[in-house]
């Protein structure tokens, strides 16, 4: 996944406009979207809630009990941050949206403390 950092040179311009999130945050969101799309039987639209949940699963898969710390280090502290990143990518013409898609679709999808700490399957494979 991290070898994509160089491939995504358009991220420099996005980060210049919104420095709240690191390059790694954008690559993580794009990678999570890729994994989620690959899990579907056919190509289709992904909702904000689905992508947020996909990011949660991907973070747990990649980083286990450190998932929350890693995401927060990159600037992702809530599902609203996932939405901000997605809409920055849309504004940069790197993703598309439907007329029904809104930033609010990412609001309070899950609580980071609950999802990554309290409900973490301690001692069990994720």
C-alpha atoms as a PDB file:
ATOM      1  CA  UNK A   1       0.000   0.000   0.000  1.00  0.00           C
ATOM      2  CA  UNK A   2       2.736   2.491   0.929  1.00  0.00           C
ATOM      3  CA  UNK A   3       4.459   2.173  -2.413  1.00  0.00           C
ATOM      4  CA  UNK A   4       1.452   4.127  -3.705  1.00  0.00           C
ATOM      5  CA  UNK A   5       2.577   7.314  -1.961  1.00  0.00           C
ATOM      6  CA  UNK A   6       4.682   8.281  -4.969  1.00  0.00           C
ATOM      7  CA  UNK A   7       1.937   7.282  -7.408  1.00  0.00           C
ATOM      8  CA  UNK A   8      -0.496   9.666  -5.754  1.00  0.00           C
ATOM      9  CA  UNK A   9       1.377  12.872  -6.485  1.00  0.00           C
ATOM     10  CA  UNK A  10      -1.968  14.736  -6.715  1.00  0.00           C
ATOM     11  CA  UNK A  11      -2.156  14.465  -2.921  1.00  0.00           C
ATOM     12  CA  UNK A  12       0.394  17.243  -2.466  1.00  0.00           C
ATOM     13  CA  UNK A  13      -2.075  19.742  -3.913  1.00  0.00           C
ATOM     14  CA  UNK A  14      -4.935  18.441  -1.765  1.00  0.00           C
ATOM     15  CA  UNK A  15      -2.817  18.602   1.388  1.00  0.00           C
ATOM     16  CA  UNK A  16      -1.728  22.124   0.518  1.00  0.00           C
ATOM     17  CA  UNK A  17      -5.424  23.133   0.570  1.00  0.00           C
ATOM     18  CA  UNK A  18      -6.264  21.062   3.663  1.00  0.00           C
ATOM     19  CA  UNK A  19      -3.228  20.180   5.803  1.00  0.00           C
ATOM     20  CA  UNK A  20      -5.336  18.446   8.474  1.00  0.00           C
ATOM     21  CA  UNK A  21      -4.598  15.005   7.064  1.00  0.00           C
ATOM     22  CA  UNK A  22      -1.365  13.294   6.050  1.00  0.00           C
ATOM     23  CA  UNK A  23      -0.662  11.611   2.725  1.00  0.00           C
ATOM     24  CA  UNK A  24      -0.875   8.303   4.530  1.00  0.00           C
ATOM     25  CA  UNK A  25      -4.456   9.114   5.561  1.00  0.00           C
ATOM     26  CA  UNK A  26      -5.480   9.591   1.932  1.00  0.00           C
ATOM     27  CA  UNK A  27      -3.694   6.446   0.776  1.00  0.00           C
ATOM     28  CA  UNK A  28      -5.337   4.509   3.609  1.00  0.00           C
ATOM     29  CA  UNK A  29      -8.830   5.726   2.602  1.00  0.00           C
ATOM     30  CA  UNK A  30      -8.202   4.893  -1.057  1.00  0.00           C
ATOM     31  CA  UNK A  31      -6.836   1.476  -0.116  1.00  0.00           C
ATOM     32  CA  UNK A  32      -9.827   0.798   2.149  1.00  0.00           C
ATOM     33  CA  UNK A  33     -12.163   1.761  -0.692  1.00  0.00           C
ATOM     34  CA  UNK A  34     -10.300  -0.574  -3.068  1.00  0.00           C
ATOM     35  CA  UNK A  35     -10.539  -3.498  -0.631  1.00  0.00           C
ATOM     36  CA  UNK A  36     -14.233  -2.804  -0.034  1.00  0.00           C
ATOM     37  CA  UNK A  37     -15.013  -2.642  -3.756  1.00  0.00           C
ATOM     38  CA  UNK A  38     -13.124  -5.880  -4.351  1.00  0.00           C
ATOM     39  CA  UNK A  39     -15.320  -7.576  -1.740  1.00  0.00           C
ATOM     40  CA  UNK A  40     -18.498  -6.867  -3.739  1.00  0.00           C
ATOM     41  CA  UNK A  41     -19.863  -9.281  -6.322  1.00  0.00           C
ATOM     42  CA  UNK A  42     -20.314  -6.437  -8.802  1.00  0.00           C
ATOM     43  CA  UNK A  43     -19.220  -2.824  -9.122  1.00  0.00           C
ATOM     44  CA  UNK A  44     -21.543  -0.458  -7.324  1.00  0.00           C
ATOM     45  CA  UNK A  45     -21.694   2.780  -5.386  1.00  0.00           C
ATOM     46  CA  UNK A  46     -20.327   2.828  -1.827  1.00  0.00           C
ATOM     47  CA  UNK A  47     -22.158   4.844   0.827  1.00  0.00           C
ATOM     48  CA  UNK A  48     -20.435   6.941   3.458  1.00  0.00           C
ATOM     49  CA  UNK A  49     -21.473   4.483   6.140  1.00  0.00           C
ATOM     50  CA  UNK A  50     -20.148   1.507   4.163  1.00  0.00           C
ATOM     51  CA  UNK A  51     -16.814   3.210   3.533  1.00  0.00           C
ATOM     52  CA  UNK A  52     -16.496   4.209   7.182  1.00  0.00           C
ATOM     53  CA  UNK A  53     -17.094   0.607   8.244  1.00  0.00           C
ATOM     54  CA  UNK A  54     -14.693  -0.586   5.560  1.00  0.00           C
ATOM     55  CA  UNK A  55     -12.029   1.755   6.932  1.00  0.00           C
ATOM     56  CA  UNK A  56     -12.642   0.425  10.432  1.00  0.00           C
ATOM     57  CA  UNK A  57     -12.219  -3.170   9.276  1.00  0.00           C
ATOM     58  CA  UNK A  58      -9.129  -2.351   7.206  1.00  0.00           C
ATOM     59  CA  UNK A  59      -7.504  -0.451  10.091  1.00  0.00           C
ATOM     60  CA  UNK A  60      -8.097  -3.369  12.455  1.00  0.00           C
ATOM     61  CA  UNK A  61      -6.776  -5.800   9.851  1.00  0.00           C
ATOM     62  CA  UNK A  62      -3.606  -3.789   9.232  1.00  0.00           C
ATOM     63  CA  UNK A  63      -2.880  -2.312  12.664  1.00  0.00           C
ATOM     64  CA  UNK A  64      -4.807  -4.385  15.211  1.00  0.00           C
ATOM     65  CA  UNK A  65      -4.907  -2.764  18.655  1.00  0.00           C
ATOM     66  CA  UNK A  66      -2.844   0.170  17.345  1.00  0.00           C
ATOM     67  CA  UNK A  67      -5.467   1.098  14.721  1.00  0.00           C
ATOM     68  CA  UNK A  68      -6.858   4.105  16.560  1.00  0.00           C
ATOM     69  CA  UNK A  69      -3.389   5.483  17.337  1.00  0.00           C
ATOM     70  CA  UNK A  70      -2.231   5.092  13.742  1.00  0.00           C
ATOM     71  CA  UNK A  71      -5.335   6.751  12.304  1.00  0.00           C
ATOM     72  CA  UNK A  72      -5.167   9.601  14.800  1.00  0.00           C
ATOM     73  CA  UNK A  73      -1.490  10.145  13.995  1.00  0.00           C
ATOM     74  CA  UNK A  74      -2.552  10.715  10.387  1.00  0.00           C
ATOM     75  CA  UNK A  75      -5.345  13.105  11.438  1.00  0.00           C
ATOM     76  CA  UNK A  76      -8.279  10.679  11.265  1.00  0.00           C
ATOM     77  CA  UNK A  77     -10.018  10.982  14.650  1.00  0.00           C
ATOM     78  CA  UNK A  78     -13.628  10.329  13.683  1.00  0.00           C
ATOM     79  CA  UNK A  79     -15.761   9.088  10.822  1.00  0.00           C
ATOM     80  CA  UNK A  80     -16.346  12.746   9.964  1.00  0.00           C
ATOM     81  CA  UNK A  81     -12.636  12.941   9.123  1.00  0.00           C
ATOM     82  CA  UNK A  82     -13.096  10.060   6.697  1.00  0.00           C
ATOM     83  CA  UNK A  83     -15.833  12.113   5.042  1.00  0.00           C
ATOM     84  CA  UNK A  84     -13.612  15.198   4.860  1.00  0.00           C
ATOM     85  CA  UNK A  85     -10.897  13.178   3.133  1.00  0.00           C
ATOM     86  CA  UNK A  86     -13.406  11.638   0.713  1.00  0.00           C
ATOM     87  CA  UNK A  87     -14.845  15.024  -0.192  1.00  0.00           C
ATOM     88  CA  UNK A  88     -11.351  16.476  -0.635  1.00  0.00           C
ATOM     89  CA  UNK A  89     -10.715  13.643  -3.101  1.00  0.00           C
ATOM     90  CA  UNK A  90     -14.025  14.380  -4.837  1.00  0.00           C
ATOM     91  CA  UNK A  91     -13.142  18.074  -5.089  1.00  0.00           C
ATOM     92  CA  UNK A  92      -9.804  17.073  -6.655  1.00  0.00           C
ATOM     93  CA  UNK A  93     -11.682  14.896  -9.194  1.00  0.00           C
ATOM     94  CA  UNK A  94     -10.134  11.707  -7.835  1.00  0.00           C
ATOM     95  CA  UNK A  95     -13.449  10.210  -6.681  1.00  0.00           C
ATOM     96  CA  UNK A  96     -17.009  10.738  -7.811  1.00  0.00           C
ATOM     97  CA  UNK A  97     -20.237  11.126  -5.891  1.00  0.00           C
ATOM     98  CA  UNK A  98     -23.942  10.892  -6.518  1.00  0.00           C
ATOM     99  CA  UNK A  99     -26.337  13.746  -5.867  1.00  0.00           C
ATOM    100  CA  UNK A 100     -27.411  11.982  -2.677  1.00  0.00           C
ATOM    101  CA  UNK A 101     -23.880  11.811  -1.205  1.00  0.00           C
ATOM    102  CA  UNK A 102     -23.174  14.295   1.567  1.00  0.00           C
ATOM    103  CA  UNK A 103     -20.486  14.813   4.180  1.00  0.00           C
ATOM    104  CA  UNK A 104     -23.182  14.184   6.793  1.00  0.00           C
ATOM    105  CA  UNK A 105     -23.297  10.549   5.607  1.00  0.00           C
ATOM    106  CA  UNK A 106     -20.047  10.092   7.537  1.00  0.00           C
ATOM    107  CA  UNK A 107     -21.239  11.728  10.747  1.00  0.00           C
ATOM    108  CA  UNK A 108     -21.142   9.507  13.848  1.00  0.00           C
ATOM    109  CA  UNK A 109     -21.057   6.227  11.929  1.00  0.00           C
ATOM    110  CA  UNK A 110     -19.131   4.807  14.877  1.00  0.00           C
ATOM    111  CA  UNK A 111     -17.192   6.047  17.876  1.00  0.00           C
ATOM    112  CA  UNK A 112     -13.438   5.517  17.583  1.00  0.00           C
ATOM    113  CA  UNK A 113     -12.973   4.578  21.236  1.00  0.00           C
ATOM    114  CA  UNK A 114     -15.783   2.019  21.049  1.00  0.00           C
ATOM    115  CA  UNK A 115     -14.744   0.604  17.676  1.00  0.00           C
ATOM    116  CA  UNK A 116     -11.011   0.383  18.232  1.00  0.00           C
ATOM    117  CA  UNK A 117     -10.645  -0.140  21.967  1.00  0.00           C
ATOM    118  CA  UNK A 118     -13.735  -1.170  23.908  1.00  0.00           C
ATOM    119  CA  UNK A 119     -15.024  -3.524  21.205  1.00  0.00           C
ATOM    120  CA  UNK A 120     -11.607  -4.727  20.058  1.00  0.00           C
ATOM    121  CA  UNK A 121     -11.510  -8.542  20.044  1.00  0.00           C
ATOM    122  CA  UNK A 122      -8.663  -8.763  22.553  1.00  0.00           C
ATOM    123  CA  UNK A 123      -6.985 -12.144  22.388  1.00  0.00           C
ATOM    124  CA  UNK A 124      -8.983 -13.210  19.325  1.00  0.00           C
ATOM    125  CA  UNK A 125      -8.026 -13.092  15.667  1.00  0.00           C
ATOM    126  CA  UNK A 126      -9.631 -10.155  13.837  1.00  0.00           C
END
